Amino acid sequence: MPNRRVAVMSPQTRLAHARRRQRGRWRLPRLEAADAERALRNYRRQRRRAVAALLLLFAILAGLPALFALWPALDHTRLGGVPVSWLILAVGPYPLLIVLGHWHLRRAERAERR
């Protein structure tokens, strides 16, 4: 008699699979014309704000090599035995990214409130 393989799974997995079979087909909700227009305006407004935030992010990240090219002395100046250019590259972007993320979030929430 050959050994039959049995799939072993947790009870939660079995429940999740059972629930999935019971549901009907998911349908996209239909919005009224005014709501659809408002949703589309909100989507476009937030997309413009996201593109602006991405452009600023790329400017920050692309600006670092330009900064190092303009001031080559940053490679030779040392702080604690580490070149200042390395410190700027390793530590500098993170506070800027946090500020950029906070700025973008505030703008997106303001766009939703309109």
PDB file of N, CA and C in Angstrom:
ATOM      1  N   MET A   1       0.849  -1.172   0.000  1.00  0.00           N
ATOM      2  CA  MET A   1       0.000   0.000   0.000  1.00  0.00           C
ATOM      3  C   MET A   1       0.901   1.245   0.000  1.00  0.00           C
ATOM      4  N   PRO A   2       0.797   2.090  -1.043  1.00  0.00           N
ATOM      5  CA  PRO A   2       1.659   3.278  -1.112  1.00  0.00           C
ATOM      6  C   PRO A   2       1.252   4.310  -0.062  1.00  0.00           C
ATOM      7  N   ASN A   3       2.249   5.019   0.422  1.00  0.00           N
ATOM      8  CA  ASN A   3       1.973   6.083   1.396  1.00  0.00           C
ATOM      9  C   ASN A   3       1.334   7.266   0.683  1.00  0.00           C
ATOM     10  N   ARG A   4       0.273   7.720   1.235  1.00  0.00           N
ATOM     11  CA  ARG A   4      -0.428   8.861   0.655  1.00  0.00           C
ATOM     12  C   ARG A   4       0.016  10.124   1.381  1.00  0.00           C
ATOM     13  N   ARG A   5       0.320  11.155   0.631  1.00  0.00           N
ATOM     14  CA  ARG A   5       0.752  12.417   1.238  1.00  0.00           C
ATOM     15  C   ARG A   5      -0.463  13.208   1.678  1.00  0.00           C
ATOM     16  N   VAL A   6      -0.315  13.840   2.817  1.00  0.00           N
ATOM     17  CA  VAL A   6      -1.396  14.643   3.369  1.00  0.00           C
ATOM     18  C   VAL A   6      -0.847  16.042   3.622  1.00  0.00           C
ATOM     19  N   ALA A   7      -1.562  17.044   3.161  1.00  0.00           N
ATOM     20  CA  ALA A   7      -1.161  18.429   3.419  1.00  0.00           C
ATOM     21  C   ALA A   7      -1.505  18.780   4.856  1.00  0.00           C
ATOM     22  N   VAL A   8      -0.522  19.257   5.588  1.00  0.00           N
ATOM     23  CA  VAL A   8      -0.727  19.648   6.977  1.00  0.00           C
ATOM     24  C   VAL A   8      -0.805  21.164   7.012  1.00  0.00           C
ATOM     25  N   MET A   9      -1.868  21.670   7.608  1.00  0.00           N
ATOM     26  CA  MET A   9      -2.027  23.122   7.697  1.00  0.00           C
ATOM     27  C   MET A   9      -2.720  23.475   8.996  1.00  0.00           C
ATOM     28  N   SER A  10      -2.589  24.717   9.362  1.00  0.00           N
ATOM     29  CA  SER A  10      -3.203  25.157  10.615  1.00  0.00           C
ATOM     30  C   SER A  10      -4.715  25.285  10.434  1.00  0.00           C
ATOM     31  N   PRO A  11      -5.459  25.270  11.539  1.00  0.00           N
ATOM     32  CA  PRO A  11      -6.909  25.441  11.431  1.00  0.00           C
ATOM     33  C   PRO A  11      -7.296  26.792  10.813  1.00  0.00           C
ATOM     34  N   GLN A  12      -6.496  27.827  11.067  1.00  0.00           N
ATOM     35  CA  GLN A  12      -6.810  29.135  10.495  1.00  0.00           C
ATOM     36  C   GLN A  12      -6.710  29.095   8.972  1.00  0.00           C
ATOM     37  N   THR A  13      -5.745  28.350   8.457  1.00  0.00           N
ATOM     38  CA  THR A  13      -5.601  28.253   7.007  1.00  0.00           C
ATOM     39  C   THR A  13      -6.802  27.548   6.405  1.00  0.00           C
ATOM     40  N   ARG A  14      -7.245  26.478   7.059  1.00  0.00           N
ATOM     41  CA  ARG A  14      -8.421  25.764   6.556  1.00  0.00           C
ATOM     42  C   ARG A  14      -9.637  26.677   6.545  1.00  0.00           C
ATOM     43  N   LEU A  15      -9.805  27.467   7.613  1.00  0.00           N
ATOM     44  CA  LEU A  15     -10.938  28.396   7.669  1.00  0.00           C
ATOM     45  C   LEU A  15     -10.844  29.442   6.560  1.00  0.00           C
ATOM     46  N   ALA A  16      -9.646  29.946   6.332  1.00  0.00           N
ATOM     47  CA  ALA A  16      -9.472  30.958   5.287  1.00  0.00           C
ATOM     48  C   ALA A  16      -9.802  30.378   3.918  1.00  0.00           C
ATOM     49  N   HIS A  17      -9.360  29.157   3.660  1.00  0.00           N
ATOM     50  CA  HIS A  17      -9.680  28.524   2.376  1.00  0.00           C
ATOM     51  C   HIS A  17     -11.182  28.275   2.247  1.00  0.00           C
ATOM     52  N   ALA A  18     -11.817  27.868   3.332  1.00  0.00           N
ATOM     53  CA  ALA A  18     -13.259  27.600   3.287  1.00  0.00           C
ATOM     54  C   ALA A  18     -14.035  28.890   3.040  1.00  0.00           C
ATOM     55  N   ARG A  19     -13.631  29.971   3.669  1.00  0.00           N
ATOM     56  CA  ARG A  19     -14.324  31.253   3.479  1.00  0.00           C
ATOM     57  C   ARG A  19     -14.178  31.736   2.043  1.00  0.00           C
ATOM     58  N   ARG A  20     -13.032  31.510   1.473  1.00  0.00           N
ATOM     59  CA  ARG A  20     -12.800  31.972   0.113  1.00  0.00           C
ATOM     60  C   ARG A  20     -13.724  31.253  -0.867  1.00  0.00           C
ATOM     61  N   ARG A  21     -13.982  29.987  -0.641  1.00  0.00           N
ATOM     62  CA  ARG A  21     -14.852  29.234  -1.536  1.00  0.00           C
ATOM     63  C   ARG A  21     -16.303  29.659  -1.406  1.00  0.00           C
ATOM     64  N   GLN A  22     -16.700  30.131  -0.224  1.00  0.00           N
ATOM     65  CA  GLN A  22     -18.100  30.477   0.002  1.00  0.00           C
ATOM     66  C   GLN A  22     -18.481  31.804  -0.631  1.00  0.00           C
ATOM     67  N   ARG A  23     -17.536  32.676  -0.777  1.00  0.00           N
ATOM     68  CA  ARG A  23     -17.851  34.002  -1.297  1.00  0.00           C
ATOM     69  C   ARG A  23     -18.185  33.949  -2.772  1.00  0.00           C
ATOM     70  N   GLY A  24     -19.007  34.892  -3.145  1.00  0.00           N
ATOM     71  CA  GLY A  24     -19.305  35.043  -4.562  1.00  0.00           C
ATOM     72  C   GLY A  24     -18.208  35.842  -5.230  1.00  0.00           C
ATOM     73  N   ARG A  25     -18.434  36.154  -6.458  1.00  0.00           N
ATOM     74  CA  ARG A  25     -17.452  36.920  -7.208  1.00  0.00           C
ATOM     75  C   ARG A  25     -17.441  38.369  -6.729  1.00  0.00           C
ATOM     76  N   TRP A  26     -16.249  38.929  -6.559  1.00  0.00           N
ATOM     77  CA  TRP A  26     -16.122  40.303  -6.090  1.00  0.00           C
ATOM     78  C   TRP A  26     -16.437  41.246  -7.239  1.00  0.00           C
ATOM     79  N   ARG A  27     -17.226  42.236  -6.929  1.00  0.00           N
ATOM     80  CA  ARG A  27     -17.601  43.211  -7.958  1.00  0.00           C
ATOM     81  C   ARG A  27     -17.069  44.582  -7.574  1.00  0.00           C
ATOM     82  N   LEU A  28     -16.628  45.290  -8.560  1.00  0.00           N
ATOM     83  CA  LEU A  28     -16.147  46.642  -8.363  1.00  0.00           C
ATOM     84  C   LEU A  28     -17.323  47.526  -7.972  1.00  0.00           C
ATOM     85  N   PRO A  29     -17.199  48.290  -6.884  1.00  0.00           N
ATOM     86  CA  PRO A  29     -18.324  49.135  -6.488  1.00  0.00           C
ATOM     87  C   PRO A  29     -18.576  50.233  -7.520  1.00  0.00           C
ATOM     88  N   ARG A  30     -19.829  50.498  -7.769  1.00  0.00           N
ATOM     89  CA  ARG A  30     -20.210  51.545  -8.718  1.00  0.00           C
ATOM     90  C   ARG A  30     -20.439  52.836  -7.950  1.00  0.00           C
ATOM     91  N   LEU A  31     -19.787  53.886  -8.388  1.00  0.00           N
ATOM     92  CA  LEU A  31     -19.949  55.185  -7.755  1.00  0.00           C
ATOM     93  C   LEU A  31     -20.917  56.021  -8.570  1.00  0.00           C
ATOM     94  N   GLU A  32     -21.572  56.900  -7.869  1.00  0.00           N
ATOM     95  CA  GLU A  32     -22.418  57.854  -8.581  1.00  0.00           C
ATOM     96  C   GLU A  32     -21.516  58.815  -9.343  1.00  0.00           C
ATOM     97  N   ALA A  33     -22.062  59.500 -10.310  1.00  0.00           N
ATOM     98  CA  ALA A  33     -21.262  60.364 -11.185  1.00  0.00           C
ATOM     99  C   ALA A  33     -20.504  61.428 -10.394  1.00  0.00           C
ATOM    100  N   ALA A  34     -21.171  62.052  -9.427  1.00  0.00           N
ATOM    101  CA  ALA A  34     -20.514  63.101  -8.638  1.00  0.00           C
ATOM    102  C   ALA A  34     -19.386  62.516  -7.792  1.00  0.00           C
ATOM    103  N   ASP A  35     -19.627  61.349  -7.195  1.00  0.00           N
ATOM    104  CA  ASP A  35     -18.592  60.714  -6.379  1.00  0.00           C
ATOM    105  C   ASP A  35     -17.421  60.250  -7.239  1.00  0.00           C
ATOM    106  N   ALA A  36     -17.720  59.732  -8.425  1.00  0.00           N
ATOM    107  CA  ALA A  36     -16.657  59.278  -9.321  1.00  0.00           C
ATOM    108  C   ALA A  36     -15.793  60.454  -9.763  1.00  0.00           C
ATOM    109  N   GLU A  37     -16.423  61.573 -10.063  1.00  0.00           N
ATOM    110  CA  GLU A  37     -15.668  62.764 -10.467  1.00  0.00           C
ATOM    111  C   GLU A  37     -14.796  63.267  -9.323  1.00  0.00           C
ATOM    112  N   ARG A  38     -15.344  63.290  -8.116  1.00  0.00           N
ATOM    113  CA  ARG A  38     -14.583  63.734  -6.946  1.00  0.00           C
ATOM    114  C   ARG A  38     -13.415  62.781  -6.666  1.00  0.00           C
ATOM    115  N   ALA A  39     -13.638  61.476  -6.816  1.00  0.00           N
ATOM    116  CA  ALA A  39     -12.571  60.497  -6.608  1.00  0.00           C
ATOM    117  C   ALA A  39     -11.470  60.669  -7.650  1.00  0.00           C
ATOM    118  N   LEU A  40     -11.851  60.933  -8.887  1.00  0.00           N
ATOM    119  CA  LEU A  40     -10.867  61.129  -9.945  1.00  0.00           C
ATOM    120  C   LEU A  40     -10.048  62.398  -9.712  1.00  0.00           C
ATOM    121  N   ARG A  41     -10.709  63.477  -9.289  1.00  0.00           N
ATOM    122  CA  ARG A  41      -9.980  64.715  -8.974  1.00  0.00           C
ATOM    123  C   ARG A  41      -9.001  64.487  -7.829  1.00  0.00           C
ATOM    124  N   ASN A  42      -9.455  63.765  -6.797  1.00  0.00           N
ATOM    125  CA  ASN A  42      -8.600  63.480  -5.648  1.00  0.00           C
ATOM    126  C   ASN A  42      -7.401  62.630  -6.069  1.00  0.00           C
ATOM    127  N   TYR A  43      -7.650  61.636  -6.905  1.00  0.00           N
ATOM    128  CA  TYR A  43      -6.569  60.776  -7.404  1.00  0.00           C
ATOM    129  C   TYR A  43      -5.536  61.598  -8.172  1.00  0.00           C
ATOM    130  N   ARG A  44      -6.002  62.465  -9.062  1.00  0.00           N
ATOM    131  CA  ARG A  44      -5.078  63.279  -9.861  1.00  0.00           C
ATOM    132  C   ARG A  44      -4.300  64.264  -8.991  1.00  0.00           C
ATOM    133  N   ARG A  45      -4.971  64.862  -8.026  1.00  0.00           N
ATOM    134  CA  ARG A  45      -4.312  65.809  -7.128  1.00  0.00           C
ATOM    135  C   ARG A  45      -3.216  65.102  -6.327  1.00  0.00           C
ATOM    136  N   GLN A  46      -3.531  63.923  -5.800  1.00  0.00           N
ATOM    137  CA  GLN A  46      -2.533  63.198  -5.021  1.00  0.00           C
ATOM    138  C   GLN A  46      -1.398  62.685  -5.902  1.00  0.00           C
ATOM    139  N   ARG A  47      -1.708  62.329  -7.135  1.00  0.00           N
ATOM    140  CA  ARG A  47      -0.656  61.875  -8.045  1.00  0.00           C
ATOM    141  C   ARG A  47       0.312  63.016  -8.352  1.00  0.00           C
ATOM    142  N   ARG A  48      -0.215  64.223  -8.564  1.00  0.00           N
ATOM    143  CA  ARG A  48       0.663  65.381  -8.798  1.00  0.00           C
ATOM    144  C   ARG A  48       1.557  65.630  -7.593  1.00  0.00           C
ATOM    145  N   ARG A  49       0.997  65.532  -6.404  1.00  0.00           N
ATOM    146  CA  ARG A  49       1.787  65.738  -5.195  1.00  0.00           C
ATOM    147  C   ARG A  49       2.848  64.644  -5.034  1.00  0.00           C
ATOM    148  N   ALA A  50       2.505  63.421  -5.385  1.00  0.00           N
ATOM    149  CA  ALA A  50       3.467  62.321  -5.289  1.00  0.00           C
ATOM    150  C   ALA A  50       4.614  62.513  -6.279  1.00  0.00           C
ATOM    151  N   VAL A  51       4.295  62.969  -7.481  1.00  0.00           N
ATOM    152  CA  VAL A  51       5.346  63.219  -8.472  1.00  0.00           C
ATOM    153  C   VAL A  51       6.263  64.334  -7.983  1.00  0.00           C
ATOM    154  N   ALA A  52       5.702  65.365  -7.378  1.00  0.00           N
ATOM    155  CA  ALA A  52       6.528  66.450  -6.836  1.00  0.00           C
ATOM    156  C   ALA A  52       7.442  65.930  -5.731  1.00  0.00           C
ATOM    157  N   ALA A  53       6.920  65.076  -4.866  1.00  0.00           N
ATOM    158  CA  ALA A  53       7.737  64.513  -3.790  1.00  0.00           C
ATOM    159  C   ALA A  53       8.846  63.628  -4.359  1.00  0.00           C
ATOM    160  N   LEU A  54       8.536  62.850  -5.394  1.00  0.00           N
ATOM    161  CA  LEU A  54       9.560  62.006  -6.014  1.00  0.00           C
ATOM    162  C   LEU A  54      10.646  62.843  -6.685  1.00  0.00           C
ATOM    163  N   LEU A  55      10.241  63.915  -7.353  1.00  0.00           N
ATOM    164  CA  LEU A  55      11.236  64.786  -7.980  1.00  0.00           C
ATOM    165  C   LEU A  55      12.150  65.415  -6.935  1.00  0.00           C
ATOM    166  N   LEU A  56      11.581  65.808  -5.818  1.00  0.00           N
ATOM    167  CA  LEU A  56      12.398  66.363  -4.742  1.00  0.00           C
ATOM    168  C   LEU A  56      13.338  65.305  -4.169  1.00  0.00           C
ATOM    169  N   LEU A  57      12.849  64.087  -4.033  1.00  0.00           N
ATOM    170  CA  LEU A  57      13.696  62.990  -3.556  1.00  0.00           C
ATOM    171  C   LEU A  57      14.866  62.759  -4.506  1.00  0.00           C
ATOM    172  N   PHE A  58      14.587  62.699  -5.808  1.00  0.00           N
ATOM    173  CA  PHE A  58      15.661  62.506  -6.777  1.00  0.00           C
ATOM    174  C   PHE A  58      16.630  63.685  -6.773  1.00  0.00           C
ATOM    175  N   ALA A  59      16.123  64.894  -6.568  1.00  0.00           N
ATOM    176  CA  ALA A  59      17.002  66.066  -6.499  1.00  0.00           C
ATOM    177  C   ALA A  59      17.933  65.966  -5.295  1.00  0.00           C
ATOM    178  N   ILE A  60      17.402  65.494  -4.177  1.00  0.00           N
ATOM    179  CA  ILE A  60      18.238  65.336  -2.980  1.00  0.00           C
ATOM    180  C   ILE A  60      19.316  64.290  -3.235  1.00  0.00           C
ATOM    181  N   LEU A  61      18.904  63.131  -3.755  1.00  0.00           N
ATOM    182  CA  LEU A  61      19.862  62.041  -3.945  1.00  0.00           C
ATOM    183  C   LEU A  61      20.853  62.327  -5.069  1.00  0.00           C
ATOM    184  N   ALA A  62      20.414  62.993  -6.123  1.00  0.00           N
ATOM    185  CA  ALA A  62      21.330  63.339  -7.209  1.00  0.00           C
ATOM    186  C   ALA A  62      22.173  64.551  -6.844  1.00  0.00           C
ATOM    187  N   GLY A  63      21.698  65.348  -5.908  1.00  0.00           N
ATOM    188  CA  GLY A  63      22.443  66.526  -5.490  1.00  0.00           C
ATOM    189  C   GLY A  63      23.666  66.203  -4.654  1.00  0.00           C
ATOM    190  N   LEU A  64      23.676  65.049  -4.017  1.00  0.00           N
ATOM    191  CA  LEU A  64      24.835  64.685  -3.198  1.00  0.00           C
ATOM    192  C   LEU A  64      26.108  64.534  -4.034  1.00  0.00           C
ATOM    193  N   PRO A  65      26.094  63.807  -5.149  1.00  0.00           N
ATOM    194  CA  PRO A  65      27.317  63.760  -5.967  1.00  0.00           C
ATOM    195  C   PRO A  65      27.718  65.142  -6.495  1.00  0.00           C
ATOM    196  N   ALA A  66      26.734  65.972  -6.814  1.00  0.00           N
ATOM    197  CA  ALA A  66      27.053  67.331  -7.269  1.00  0.00           C
ATOM    198  C   ALA A  66      27.719  68.121  -6.146  1.00  0.00           C
ATOM    199  N   LEU A  67      27.233  67.938  -4.933  1.00  0.00           N
ATOM    200  CA  LEU A  67      27.836  68.610  -3.776  1.00  0.00           C
ATOM    201  C   LEU A  67      29.285  68.172  -3.598  1.00  0.00           C
ATOM    202  N   PHE A  68      29.535  66.877  -3.744  1.00  0.00           N
ATOM    203  CA  PHE A  68      30.899  66.373  -3.584  1.00  0.00           C
ATOM    204  C   PHE A  68      31.800  66.843  -4.723  1.00  0.00           C
ATOM    205  N   ALA A  69      31.246  67.013  -5.926  1.00  0.00           N
ATOM    206  CA  ALA A  69      32.042  67.500  -7.053  1.00  0.00           C
ATOM    207  C   ALA A  69      32.373  68.981  -6.889  1.00  0.00           C
ATOM    208  N   LEU A  70      31.432  69.748  -6.320  1.00  0.00           N
ATOM    209  CA  LEU A  70      31.676  71.180  -6.134  1.00  0.00           C
ATOM    210  C   LEU A  70      32.669  71.458  -5.013  1.00  0.00           C
ATOM    211  N   TRP A  71      32.653  70.630  -3.979  1.00  0.00           N
ATOM    212  CA  TRP A  71      33.545  70.812  -2.834  1.00  0.00           C
ATOM    213  C   TRP A  71      34.374  69.552  -2.611  1.00  0.00           C
ATOM    214  N   PRO A  72      35.443  69.386  -3.383  1.00  0.00           N
ATOM    215  CA  PRO A  72      36.278  68.193  -3.211  1.00  0.00           C
ATOM    216  C   PRO A  72      36.992  68.169  -1.857  1.00  0.00           C
ATOM    217  N   ALA A  73      37.038  69.301  -1.180  1.00  0.00           N
ATOM    218  CA  ALA A  73      37.681  69.333   0.138  1.00  0.00           C
ATOM    219  C   ALA A  73      36.924  68.476   1.149  1.00  0.00           C
ATOM    220  N   LEU A  74      35.656  68.168   0.862  1.00  0.00           N
ATOM    221  CA  LEU A  74      34.892  67.317   1.779  1.00  0.00           C
ATOM    222  C   LEU A  74      35.486  65.914   1.872  1.00  0.00           C
ATOM    223  N   ASP A  75      36.185  65.481   0.810  1.00  0.00           N
ATOM    224  CA  ASP A  75      36.828  64.167   0.847  1.00  0.00           C
ATOM    225  C   ASP A  75      38.055  64.161   1.747  1.00  0.00           C
ATOM    226  N   HIS A  76      38.694  65.310   1.868  1.00  0.00           N
ATOM    227  CA  HIS A  76      39.940  65.374   2.626  1.00  0.00           C
ATOM    228  C   HIS A  76      39.725  65.816   4.065  1.00  0.00           C
ATOM    229  N   THR A  77      38.633  66.487   4.333  1.00  0.00           N
ATOM    230  CA  THR A  77      38.330  66.910   5.695  1.00  0.00           C
ATOM    231  C   THR A  77      37.793  65.711   6.461  1.00  0.00           C
ATOM    232  N   ARG A  78      38.336  65.504   7.649  1.00  0.00           N
ATOM    233  CA  ARG A  78      37.930  64.333   8.433  1.00  0.00           C
ATOM    234  C   ARG A  78      37.333  64.768   9.761  1.00  0.00           C
ATOM    235  N   LEU A  79      36.349  63.996  10.177  1.00  0.00           N
ATOM    236  CA  LEU A  79      35.696  64.223  11.465  1.00  0.00           C
ATOM    237  C   LEU A  79      35.662  62.872  12.170  1.00  0.00           C
ATOM    238  N   GLY A  80      36.447  62.743  13.220  1.00  0.00           N
ATOM    239  CA  GLY A  80      36.542  61.457  13.910  1.00  0.00           C
ATOM    240  C   GLY A  80      37.211  60.401  13.055  1.00  0.00           C
ATOM    241  N   GLY A  81      38.107  60.804  12.168  1.00  0.00           N
ATOM    242  CA  GLY A  81      38.816  59.863  11.313  1.00  0.00           C
ATOM    243  C   GLY A  81      38.046  59.437  10.076  1.00  0.00           C
ATOM    244  N   VAL A  82      36.832  59.954   9.900  1.00  0.00           N
ATOM    245  CA  VAL A  82      35.993  59.583   8.758  1.00  0.00           C
ATOM    246  C   VAL A  82      35.848  60.812   7.862  1.00  0.00           C
ATOM    247  N   PRO A  83      36.008  60.642   6.542  1.00  0.00           N
ATOM    248  CA  PRO A  83      35.824  61.794   5.649  1.00  0.00           C
ATOM    249  C   PRO A  83      34.409  62.375   5.779  1.00  0.00           C
ATOM    250  N   VAL A  84      34.332  63.692   5.753  1.00  0.00           N
ATOM    251  CA  VAL A  84      33.045  64.377   5.902  1.00  0.00           C
ATOM    252  C   VAL A  84      32.092  63.975   4.776  1.00  0.00           C
ATOM    253  N   SER A  85      32.627  63.737   3.583  1.00  0.00           N
ATOM    254  CA  SER A  85      31.754  63.332   2.474  1.00  0.00           C
ATOM    255  C   SER A  85      31.063  62.004   2.788  1.00  0.00           C
ATOM    256  N   TRP A  86      31.746  61.094   3.449  1.00  0.00           N
ATOM    257  CA  TRP A  86      31.129  59.822   3.825  1.00  0.00           C
ATOM    258  C   TRP A  86      30.049  60.040   4.873  1.00  0.00           C
ATOM    259  N   LEU A  87      30.323  60.922   5.822  1.00  0.00           N
ATOM    260  CA  LEU A  87      29.320  61.209   6.856  1.00  0.00           C
ATOM    261  C   LEU A  87      28.070  61.828   6.239  1.00  0.00           C
ATOM    262  N   ILE A  88      28.280  62.754   5.309  1.00  0.00           N
ATOM    263  CA  ILE A  88      27.125  63.372   4.643  1.00  0.00           C
ATOM    264  C   ILE A  88      26.333  62.316   3.882  1.00  0.00           C
ATOM    265  N   LEU A  89      27.037  61.422   3.204  1.00  0.00           N
ATOM    266  CA  LEU A  89      26.376  60.380   2.422  1.00  0.00           C
ATOM    267  C   LEU A  89      25.680  59.352   3.313  1.00  0.00           C
ATOM    268  N   ALA A  90      26.283  59.019   4.450  1.00  0.00           N
ATOM    269  CA  ALA A  90      25.731  57.968   5.314  1.00  0.00           C
ATOM    270  C   ALA A  90      24.644  58.474   6.246  1.00  0.00           C
ATOM    271  N   VAL A  91      24.745  59.710   6.698  1.00  0.00           N
ATOM    272  CA  VAL A  91      23.817  60.214   7.713  1.00  0.00           C
ATOM    273  C   VAL A  91      22.873  61.276   7.163  1.00  0.00           C
ATOM    274  N   GLY A  92      23.336  62.069   6.248  1.00  0.00           N
ATOM    275  CA  GLY A  92      22.569  63.210   5.760  1.00  0.00           C
ATOM    276  C   GLY A  92      21.220  62.931   5.135  1.00  0.00           C
ATOM    277  N   PRO A  93      21.091  61.934   4.268  1.00  0.00           N
ATOM    278  CA  PRO A  93      19.805  61.752   3.578  1.00  0.00           C
ATOM    279  C   PRO A  93      18.650  61.343   4.484  1.00  0.00           C
ATOM    280  N   TYR A  94      18.919  60.650   5.577  1.00  0.00           N
ATOM    281  CA  TYR A  94      17.819  60.097   6.367  1.00  0.00           C
ATOM    282  C   TYR A  94      16.938  61.151   7.028  1.00  0.00           C
ATOM    283  N   PRO A  95      17.497  62.163   7.671  1.00  0.00           N
ATOM    284  CA  PRO A  95      16.600  63.212   8.180  1.00  0.00           C
ATOM    285  C   PRO A  95      15.840  63.918   7.057  1.00  0.00           C
ATOM    286  N   LEU A  96      16.498  64.102   5.914  1.00  0.00           N
ATOM    287  CA  LEU A  96      15.811  64.727   4.777  1.00  0.00           C
ATOM    288  C   LEU A  96      14.670  63.851   4.275  1.00  0.00           C
ATOM    289  N   LEU A  97      14.867  62.538   4.256  1.00  0.00           N
ATOM    290  CA  LEU A  97      13.810  61.627   3.817  1.00  0.00           C
ATOM    291  C   LEU A  97      12.636  61.640   4.789  1.00  0.00           C
ATOM    292  N   ILE A  98      12.925  61.730   6.079  1.00  0.00           N
ATOM    293  CA  ILE A  98      11.849  61.796   7.076  1.00  0.00           C
ATOM    294  C   ILE A  98      11.049  63.077   6.894  1.00  0.00           C
ATOM    295  N   VAL A  99      11.739  64.188   6.713  1.00  0.00           N
ATOM    296  CA  VAL A  99      11.053  65.467   6.498  1.00  0.00           C
ATOM    297  C   VAL A  99      10.248  65.422   5.202  1.00  0.00           C
ATOM    298  N   LEU A 100      10.820  64.859   4.149  1.00  0.00           N
ATOM    299  CA  LEU A 100      10.111  64.746   2.872  1.00  0.00           C
ATOM    300  C   LEU A 100       8.862  63.873   3.014  1.00  0.00           C
ATOM    301  N   GLY A 101       8.965  62.759   3.727  1.00  0.00           N
ATOM    302  CA  GLY A 101       7.806  61.891   3.939  1.00  0.00           C
ATOM    303  C   GLY A 101       6.713  62.582   4.727  1.00  0.00           C
ATOM    304  N   HIS A 102       7.097  63.315   5.764  1.00  0.00           N
ATOM    305  CA  HIS A 102       6.119  64.054   6.572  1.00  0.00           C
ATOM    306  C   HIS A 102       5.442  65.137   5.733  1.00  0.00           C
ATOM    307  N   TRP A 103       6.228  65.848   4.941  1.00  0.00           N
ATOM    308  CA  TRP A 103       5.693  66.905   4.077  1.00  0.00           C
ATOM    309  C   TRP A 103       4.700  66.324   3.075  1.00  0.00           C
ATOM    310  N   HIS A 104       5.069  65.197   2.465  1.00  0.00           N
ATOM    311  CA  HIS A 104       4.184  64.576   1.477  1.00  0.00           C
ATOM    312  C   HIS A 104       2.898  64.081   2.134  1.00  0.00           C
ATOM    313  N   LEU A 105       2.998  63.489   3.310  1.00  0.00           N
ATOM    314  CA  LEU A 105       1.807  63.002   4.011  1.00  0.00           C
ATOM    315  C   LEU A 105       0.857  64.149   4.339  1.00  0.00           C
ATOM    316  N   ARG A 106       1.394  65.265   4.838  1.00  0.00           N
ATOM    317  CA  ARG A 106       0.542  66.422   5.148  1.00  0.00           C
ATOM    318  C   ARG A 106      -0.159  66.937   3.896  1.00  0.00           C
ATOM    319  N   ARG A 107       0.564  67.002   2.786  1.00  0.00           N
ATOM    320  CA  ARG A 107      -0.042  67.481   1.538  1.00  0.00           C
ATOM    321  C   ARG A 107      -1.107  66.520   1.031  1.00  0.00           C
ATOM    322  N   ALA A 108      -0.875  65.216   1.154  1.00  0.00           N
ATOM    323  CA  ALA A 108      -1.863  64.229   0.695  1.00  0.00           C
ATOM    324  C   ALA A 108      -3.118  64.284   1.558  1.00  0.00           C
ATOM    325  N   GLU A 109      -2.948  64.431   2.870  1.00  0.00           N
ATOM    326  CA  GLU A 109      -4.121  64.525   3.749  1.00  0.00           C
ATOM    327  C   GLU A 109      -4.895  65.808   3.483  1.00  0.00           C
ATOM    328  N   ARG A 110      -4.187  66.891   3.213  1.00  0.00           N
ATOM    329  CA  ARG A 110      -4.858  68.152   2.901  1.00  0.00           C
ATOM    330  C   ARG A 110      -5.646  68.028   1.595  1.00  0.00           C
ATOM    331  N   ALA A 111      -5.095  67.304   0.632  1.00  0.00           N
ATOM    332  CA  ALA A 111      -5.797  67.105  -0.643  1.00  0.00           C
ATOM    333  C   ALA A 111      -7.059  66.272  -0.442  1.00  0.00           C
ATOM    334  N   GLU A 112      -7.023  65.305   0.465  1.00  0.00           N
ATOM    335  CA  GLU A 112      -8.211  64.485   0.723  1.00  0.00           C
ATOM    336  C   GLU A 112      -9.313  65.279   1.407  1.00  0.00           C
ATOM    337  N   ARG A 113      -8.928  66.232   2.249  1.00  0.00           N
ATOM    338  CA  ARG A 113      -9.937  67.022   2.970  1.00  0.00           C
ATOM    339  C   ARG A 113     -10.693  67.962   2.047  1.00  0.00           C
ATOM    340  N   ARG A 114     -10.123  68.316   0.916  1.00  0.00           N
ATOM    341  CA  ARG A 114     -10.782  69.246  -0.012  1.00  0.00           C
ATOM    342  C   ARG A 114     -11.968  68.631  -0.671  1.00  0.00           C
TER     343      ARG A 114
END
